[in-house]
């Protein structure tokens, strides 16, 4: 493996290796962070509704709710402003939700950038390898097969390495983006239920 990397040239292979390490680190972080049950627990709405019915919502409960999960932060923001009316409550929820979504999407842009850039780095290695081949032809003709093979090898290795990094990075980016979208929809639904429960005659469905 080391010989293959060395054959591709450190100038090109080192950035590709760094991209590979970044992809692995981001995937591990996002797999741990984007856990739907940790971000938007299904039982949280029922628990909050129980507090409301028994008049237990106070500063301590709001702090506990805020620290429990990202969805708890959204609920706490809404409950803190619920006395000011439906629209104010919705605005506070939307403001907090935008911050939460921004945190959920952390590193996803970097993952998408790596997926786009890694093949270009490999292509750059291909171009440099072909330049090496043509320089060898100009200086020594076509008789030195070793130099020609070295340039062609560099071109093929860097292209393959760039694609090996880019393809999983692109798949991971799409997967995590879809997971974030699903979590956001869930949080929106739960927040709407809470607002409707406090400011309309509709009851919370499946709160228990």
C-alpha atoms as a PDB file:
ATOM      1  CA  UNK A   1       0.000   0.000   0.000  1.00  0.00           C
ATOM      2  CA  UNK A   2       2.805   2.407   0.906  1.00  0.00           C
ATOM      3  CA  UNK A   3       4.492   1.734  -2.417  1.00  0.00           C
ATOM      4  CA  UNK A   4       1.294   2.492  -4.297  1.00  0.00           C
ATOM      5  CA  UNK A   5       0.893   5.781  -2.430  1.00  0.00           C
ATOM      6  CA  UNK A   6       4.530   6.618  -3.053  1.00  0.00           C
ATOM      7  CA  UNK A   7       4.131   5.854  -6.758  1.00  0.00           C
ATOM      8  CA  UNK A   8       1.290   8.367  -6.966  1.00  0.00           C
ATOM      9  CA  UNK A   9       3.569  11.135  -5.702  1.00  0.00           C
ATOM     10  CA  UNK A  10       3.371  12.739  -2.269  1.00  0.00           C
ATOM     11  CA  UNK A  11       2.445  16.120  -3.743  1.00  0.00           C
ATOM     12  CA  UNK A  12      -0.936  14.740  -4.812  1.00  0.00           C
ATOM     13  CA  UNK A  13      -1.415  11.718  -2.571  1.00  0.00           C
ATOM     14  CA  UNK A  14      -0.918  13.608   0.702  1.00  0.00           C
ATOM     15  CA  UNK A  15      -3.927  15.931   0.154  1.00  0.00           C
ATOM     16  CA  UNK A  16      -6.010  12.922  -0.885  1.00  0.00           C
ATOM     17  CA  UNK A  17      -4.983  11.050   2.268  1.00  0.00           C
ATOM     18  CA  UNK A  18      -5.877  14.087   4.380  1.00  0.00           C
ATOM     19  CA  UNK A  19      -9.274  14.229   2.671  1.00  0.00           C
ATOM     20  CA  UNK A  20      -9.752  10.540   3.422  1.00  0.00           C
ATOM     21  CA  UNK A  21      -8.962  11.066   7.111  1.00  0.00           C
ATOM     22  CA  UNK A  22     -11.370  14.023   7.244  1.00  0.00           C
ATOM     23  CA  UNK A  23     -14.173  11.947   5.686  1.00  0.00           C
ATOM     24  CA  UNK A  24     -13.707   9.186   8.260  1.00  0.00           C
ATOM     25  CA  UNK A  25     -13.649  11.657  11.167  1.00  0.00           C
ATOM     26  CA  UNK A  26     -16.756  13.508   9.947  1.00  0.00           C
ATOM     27  CA  UNK A  27     -18.697  10.266   9.400  1.00  0.00           C
ATOM     28  CA  UNK A  28     -17.895   9.014  12.901  1.00  0.00           C
ATOM     29  CA  UNK A  29     -18.890  12.367  14.414  1.00  0.00           C
ATOM     30  CA  UNK A  30     -22.151  12.610  12.478  1.00  0.00           C
ATOM     31  CA  UNK A  31     -23.114   8.985  13.148  1.00  0.00           C
ATOM     32  CA  UNK A  32     -22.778   9.695  16.857  1.00  0.00           C
ATOM     33  CA  UNK A  33     -24.400  13.133  16.766  1.00  0.00           C
ATOM     34  CA  UNK A  34     -27.307  12.551  14.372  1.00  0.00           C
ATOM     35  CA  UNK A  35     -29.094  10.041  16.557  1.00  0.00           C
ATOM     36  CA  UNK A  36     -32.835  10.762  16.153  1.00  0.00           C
ATOM     37  CA  UNK A  37     -33.683   9.471  19.611  1.00  0.00           C
ATOM     38  CA  UNK A  38     -31.091  11.736  21.239  1.00  0.00           C
ATOM     39  CA  UNK A  39     -32.086  14.792  19.196  1.00  0.00           C
ATOM     40  CA  UNK A  40     -35.876  14.455  19.190  1.00  0.00           C
ATOM     41  CA  UNK A  41     -37.047  11.902  21.794  1.00  0.00           C
ATOM     42  CA  UNK A  42     -40.513  10.632  20.966  1.00  0.00           C
ATOM     43  CA  UNK A  43     -41.574  10.702  24.619  1.00  0.00           C
ATOM     44  CA  UNK A  44     -40.522  14.311  25.262  1.00  0.00           C
ATOM     45  CA  UNK A  45     -43.761  15.923  24.098  1.00  0.00           C
ATOM     46  CA  UNK A  46     -45.825  13.710  26.385  1.00  0.00           C
ATOM     47  CA  UNK A  47     -43.566  14.546  29.302  1.00  0.00           C
ATOM     48  CA  UNK A  48     -43.849  18.287  28.661  1.00  0.00           C
ATOM     49  CA  UNK A  49     -47.607  18.016  28.291  1.00  0.00           C
ATOM     50  CA  UNK A  50     -47.734  16.284  31.671  1.00  0.00           C
ATOM     51  CA  UNK A  51     -45.827  19.182  33.223  1.00  0.00           C
ATOM     52  CA  UNK A  52     -48.252  21.663  31.683  1.00  0.00           C
ATOM     53  CA  UNK A  53     -51.340  19.857  32.921  1.00  0.00           C
ATOM     54  CA  UNK A  54     -49.973  19.663  36.469  1.00  0.00           C
ATOM     55  CA  UNK A  55     -48.648  23.262  36.403  1.00  0.00           C
ATOM     56  CA  UNK A  56     -45.065  22.134  36.983  1.00  0.00           C
ATOM     57  CA  UNK A  57     -43.470  24.341  34.332  1.00  0.00           C
ATOM     58  CA  UNK A  58     -41.042  26.715  36.052  1.00  0.00           C
ATOM     59  CA  UNK A  59     -37.520  27.995  35.558  1.00  0.00           C
ATOM     60  CA  UNK A  60     -35.949  24.795  36.830  1.00  0.00           C
ATOM     61  CA  UNK A  61     -38.066  22.613  34.555  1.00  0.00           C
ATOM     62  CA  UNK A  62     -37.295  24.838  31.570  1.00  0.00           C
ATOM     63  CA  UNK A  63     -33.561  24.563  32.258  1.00  0.00           C
ATOM     64  CA  UNK A  64     -33.877  20.781  32.543  1.00  0.00           C
ATOM     65  CA  UNK A  65     -35.824  20.719  29.287  1.00  0.00           C
ATOM     66  CA  UNK A  66     -33.323  22.992  27.531  1.00  0.00           C
ATOM     67  CA  UNK A  67     -30.399  20.782  28.521  1.00  0.00           C
ATOM     68  CA  UNK A  68     -32.095  17.482  27.707  1.00  0.00           C
ATOM     69  CA  UNK A  69     -31.927  17.529  23.882  1.00  0.00           C
ATOM     70  CA  UNK A  70     -32.079  19.828  20.834  1.00  0.00           C
ATOM     71  CA  UNK A  71     -35.850  19.323  20.683  1.00  0.00           C
ATOM     72  CA  UNK A  72     -35.953  20.231  24.371  1.00  0.00           C
ATOM     73  CA  UNK A  73     -34.213  23.523  23.532  1.00  0.00           C
ATOM     74  CA  UNK A  74     -36.933  24.269  20.995  1.00  0.00           C
ATOM     75  CA  UNK A  75     -39.709  23.395  23.427  1.00  0.00           C
ATOM     76  CA  UNK A  76     -38.113  25.494  26.178  1.00  0.00           C
ATOM     77  CA  UNK A  77     -37.869  28.505  23.858  1.00  0.00           C
ATOM     78  CA  UNK A  78     -41.527  28.168  22.962  1.00  0.00           C
ATOM     79  CA  UNK A  79     -42.731  27.661  26.526  1.00  0.00           C
ATOM     80  CA  UNK A  80     -40.710  30.654  27.740  1.00  0.00           C
ATOM     81  CA  UNK A  81     -42.699  32.871  25.371  1.00  0.00           C
ATOM     82  CA  UNK A  82     -46.029  31.058  25.351  1.00  0.00           C
ATOM     83  CA  UNK A  83     -47.726  33.718  27.490  1.00  0.00           C
ATOM     84  CA  UNK A  84     -47.115  36.338  24.784  1.00  0.00           C
ATOM     85  CA  UNK A  85     -49.366  34.642  22.261  1.00  0.00           C
ATOM     86  CA  UNK A  86     -49.222  32.093  19.480  1.00  0.00           C
ATOM     87  CA  UNK A  87     -47.196  34.161  16.989  1.00  0.00           C
ATOM     88  CA  UNK A  88     -44.516  35.146  19.479  1.00  0.00           C
ATOM     89  CA  UNK A  89     -44.239  31.533  20.603  1.00  0.00           C
ATOM     90  CA  UNK A  90     -43.880  30.370  16.995  1.00  0.00           C
ATOM     91  CA  UNK A  91     -41.240  33.003  16.260  1.00  0.00           C
ATOM     92  CA  UNK A  92     -39.156  31.970  19.271  1.00  0.00           C
ATOM     93  CA  UNK A  93     -39.434  28.313  18.261  1.00  0.00           C
ATOM     94  CA  UNK A  94     -38.383  29.064  14.682  1.00  0.00           C
ATOM     95  CA  UNK A  95     -35.401  31.126  15.834  1.00  0.00           C
ATOM     96  CA  UNK A  96     -34.150  28.373  18.132  1.00  0.00           C
ATOM     97  CA  UNK A  97     -34.906  25.703  15.538  1.00  0.00           C
ATOM     98  CA  UNK A  98     -32.738  27.486  12.956  1.00  0.00           C
ATOM     99  CA  UNK A  99     -29.821  27.363  15.406  1.00  0.00           C
ATOM    100  CA  UNK A 100     -30.425  23.677  16.080  1.00  0.00           C
ATOM    101  CA  UNK A 101     -30.586  22.839  12.366  1.00  0.00           C
ATOM    102  CA  UNK A 102     -27.350  24.736  11.782  1.00  0.00           C
ATOM    103  CA  UNK A 103     -25.674  22.585  14.433  1.00  0.00           C
ATOM    104  CA  UNK A 104     -27.099  19.392  12.918  1.00  0.00           C
ATOM    105  CA  UNK A 105     -25.648  20.325   9.518  1.00  0.00           C
ATOM    106  CA  UNK A 106     -22.178  20.963  10.936  1.00  0.00           C
ATOM    107  CA  UNK A 107     -19.398  19.473   8.771  1.00  0.00           C
ATOM    108  CA  UNK A 108     -21.839  18.405   6.035  1.00  0.00           C
ATOM    109  CA  UNK A 109     -20.666  21.203   3.749  1.00  0.00           C
ATOM    110  CA  UNK A 110     -17.084  20.076   4.340  1.00  0.00           C
ATOM    111  CA  UNK A 111     -18.094  16.528   3.420  1.00  0.00           C
ATOM    112  CA  UNK A 112     -19.710  17.722   0.197  1.00  0.00           C
ATOM    113  CA  UNK A 113     -16.671  19.845  -0.617  1.00  0.00           C
ATOM    114  CA  UNK A 114     -14.357  16.866  -0.203  1.00  0.00           C
ATOM    115  CA  UNK A 115     -16.608  14.798  -2.472  1.00  0.00           C
ATOM    116  CA  UNK A 116     -16.256  17.486  -5.154  1.00  0.00           C
ATOM    117  CA  UNK A 117     -12.582  18.307  -4.675  1.00  0.00           C
ATOM    118  CA  UNK A 118     -11.036  14.837  -4.280  1.00  0.00           C
ATOM    119  CA  UNK A 119     -11.594  13.813  -7.943  1.00  0.00           C
ATOM    120  CA  UNK A 120     -10.137  17.149  -9.058  1.00  0.00           C
ATOM    121  CA  UNK A 121      -7.015  16.524  -6.996  1.00  0.00           C
ATOM    122  CA  UNK A 122      -6.769  13.096  -8.606  1.00  0.00           C
ATOM    123  CA  UNK A 123      -7.243  14.693 -12.020  1.00  0.00           C
ATOM    124  CA  UNK A 124      -4.435  17.111 -11.240  1.00  0.00           C
ATOM    125  CA  UNK A 125      -2.222  14.109 -10.513  1.00  0.00           C
ATOM    126  CA  UNK A 126      -3.260  12.636 -13.849  1.00  0.00           C
ATOM    127  CA  UNK A 127      -2.258  15.806 -15.661  1.00  0.00           C
ATOM    128  CA  UNK A 128       1.084  15.947 -13.846  1.00  0.00           C
ATOM    129  CA  UNK A 129       1.711  12.302 -14.663  1.00  0.00           C
ATOM    130  CA  UNK A 130       0.988  12.818 -18.348  1.00  0.00           C
ATOM    131  CA  UNK A 131       3.232  15.901 -18.386  1.00  0.00           C
ATOM    132  CA  UNK A 132       5.984  13.704 -16.968  1.00  0.00           C
ATOM    133  CA  UNK A 133       5.397  11.151 -19.725  1.00  0.00           C
ATOM    134  CA  UNK A 134       5.566  13.719 -22.523  1.00  0.00           C
ATOM    135  CA  UNK A 135       8.664  15.352 -21.040  1.00  0.00           C
ATOM    136  CA  UNK A 136      10.319  11.934 -20.990  1.00  0.00           C
ATOM    137  CA  UNK A 137       9.372  11.380 -24.621  1.00  0.00           C
ATOM    138  CA  UNK A 138      10.818  14.746 -25.602  1.00  0.00           C
ATOM    139  CA  UNK A 139      14.081  14.203 -23.711  1.00  0.00           C
ATOM    140  CA  UNK A 140      14.710  10.499 -24.227  1.00  0.00           C
ATOM    141  CA  UNK A 141      12.299   9.349 -26.893  1.00  0.00           C
ATOM    142  CA  UNK A 142      10.053   6.351 -26.492  1.00  0.00           C
ATOM    143  CA  UNK A 143      12.843   3.910 -25.701  1.00  0.00           C
ATOM    144  CA  UNK A 144      12.870   4.366 -21.910  1.00  0.00           C
ATOM    145  CA  UNK A 145       9.871   2.313 -20.919  1.00  0.00           C
ATOM    146  CA  UNK A 146      10.539   2.730 -17.177  1.00  0.00           C
ATOM    147  CA  UNK A 147      10.093   6.507 -17.196  1.00  0.00           C
ATOM    148  CA  UNK A 148       7.007   6.255 -19.381  1.00  0.00           C
ATOM    149  CA  UNK A 149       5.480   3.613 -17.131  1.00  0.00           C
ATOM    150  CA  UNK A 150       6.210   5.719 -14.041  1.00  0.00           C
ATOM    151  CA  UNK A 151       4.351   8.724 -15.409  1.00  0.00           C
ATOM    152  CA  UNK A 152       1.390   6.652 -16.545  1.00  0.00           C
ATOM    153  CA  UNK A 153       1.322   4.866 -13.180  1.00  0.00           C
ATOM    154  CA  UNK A 154       1.231   8.189 -11.337  1.00  0.00           C
ATOM    155  CA  UNK A 155      -1.634   9.349 -13.536  1.00  0.00           C
ATOM    156  CA  UNK A 156      -3.724   6.228 -12.915  1.00  0.00           C
ATOM    157  CA  UNK A 157      -3.021   5.953  -9.175  1.00  0.00           C
ATOM    158  CA  UNK A 158      -3.952   9.548  -8.354  1.00  0.00           C
ATOM    159  CA  UNK A 159      -7.148   9.349 -10.381  1.00  0.00           C
ATOM    160  CA  UNK A 160      -8.177   6.135  -8.651  1.00  0.00           C
ATOM    161  CA  UNK A 161      -7.269   7.504  -5.213  1.00  0.00           C
ATOM    162  CA  UNK A 162      -9.341  10.638  -5.773  1.00  0.00           C
ATOM    163  CA  UNK A 163     -12.370   8.589  -6.797  1.00  0.00           C
ATOM    164  CA  UNK A 164     -11.929   6.153  -3.887  1.00  0.00           C
ATOM    165  CA  UNK A 165     -12.228   9.095  -1.495  1.00  0.00           C
ATOM    166  CA  UNK A 166     -14.892  11.027  -3.385  1.00  0.00           C
ATOM    167  CA  UNK A 167     -17.443   8.258  -3.907  1.00  0.00           C
ATOM    168  CA  UNK A 168     -17.884   7.335  -0.197  1.00  0.00           C
ATOM    169  CA  UNK A 169     -17.785  11.031   0.725  1.00  0.00           C
ATOM    170  CA  UNK A 170     -20.624  11.793  -1.686  1.00  0.00           C
ATOM    171  CA  UNK A 171     -22.683   8.843  -0.445  1.00  0.00           C
ATOM    172  CA  UNK A 172     -22.118   9.845   3.186  1.00  0.00           C
ATOM    173  CA  UNK A 173     -23.063  13.464   2.437  1.00  0.00           C
ATOM    174  CA  UNK A 174     -26.349  12.420   0.846  1.00  0.00           C
ATOM    175  CA  UNK A 175     -27.091   9.988   3.666  1.00  0.00           C
ATOM    176  CA  UNK A 176     -26.453  12.478   6.474  1.00  0.00           C
ATOM    177  CA  UNK A 177     -28.310  15.258   4.678  1.00  0.00           C
ATOM    178  CA  UNK A 178     -31.318  12.972   4.372  1.00  0.00           C
ATOM    179  CA  UNK A 179     -31.067  12.063   8.049  1.00  0.00           C
ATOM    180  CA  UNK A 180     -30.984  15.737   9.013  1.00  0.00           C
ATOM    181  CA  UNK A 181     -34.045  16.437   6.840  1.00  0.00           C
ATOM    182  CA  UNK A 182     -35.947  13.601   8.518  1.00  0.00           C
ATOM    183  CA  UNK A 183     -35.034  14.827  12.005  1.00  0.00           C
ATOM    184  CA  UNK A 184     -36.039  18.390  11.125  1.00  0.00           C
ATOM    185  CA  UNK A 185     -39.458  17.223   9.923  1.00  0.00           C
ATOM    186  CA  UNK A 186     -39.957  15.323  13.171  1.00  0.00           C
ATOM    187  CA  UNK A 187     -39.027  18.351  15.278  1.00  0.00           C
ATOM    188  CA  UNK A 188     -41.367  20.574  13.259  1.00  0.00           C
ATOM    189  CA  UNK A 189     -44.254  18.191  13.818  1.00  0.00           C
ATOM    190  CA  UNK A 190     -43.599  17.988  17.554  1.00  0.00           C
ATOM    191  CA  UNK A 191     -43.285  21.779  17.869  1.00  0.00           C
ATOM    192  CA  UNK A 192     -46.545  22.341  15.985  1.00  0.00           C
ATOM    193  CA  UNK A 193     -48.318  19.937  18.341  1.00  0.00           C
ATOM    194  CA  UNK A 194     -47.043  21.861  21.344  1.00  0.00           C
ATOM    195  CA  UNK A 195     -48.101  25.237  19.928  1.00  0.00           C
ATOM    196  CA  UNK A 196     -51.538  23.933  18.989  1.00  0.00           C
ATOM    197  CA  UNK A 197     -51.995  22.376  22.416  1.00  0.00           C
ATOM    198  CA  UNK A 198     -51.344  25.685  24.150  1.00  0.00           C
ATOM    199  CA  UNK A 199     -53.116  28.046  21.750  1.00  0.00           C
ATOM    200  CA  UNK A 200     -56.000  26.136  20.222  1.00  0.00           C
ATOM    201  CA  UNK A 201     -58.572  23.522  21.049  1.00  0.00           C
ATOM    202  CA  UNK A 202     -56.640  20.781  19.286  1.00  0.00           C
ATOM    203  CA  UNK A 203     -55.212  18.102  21.541  1.00  0.00           C
ATOM    204  CA  UNK A 204     -51.807  16.568  21.309  1.00  0.00           C
ATOM    205  CA  UNK A 205     -51.912  13.333  19.379  1.00  0.00           C
ATOM    206  CA  UNK A 206     -49.781  10.459  20.514  1.00  0.00           C
ATOM    207  CA  UNK A 207     -48.368  12.585  23.340  1.00  0.00           C
ATOM    208  CA  UNK A 208     -48.509   9.818  25.829  1.00  0.00           C
END
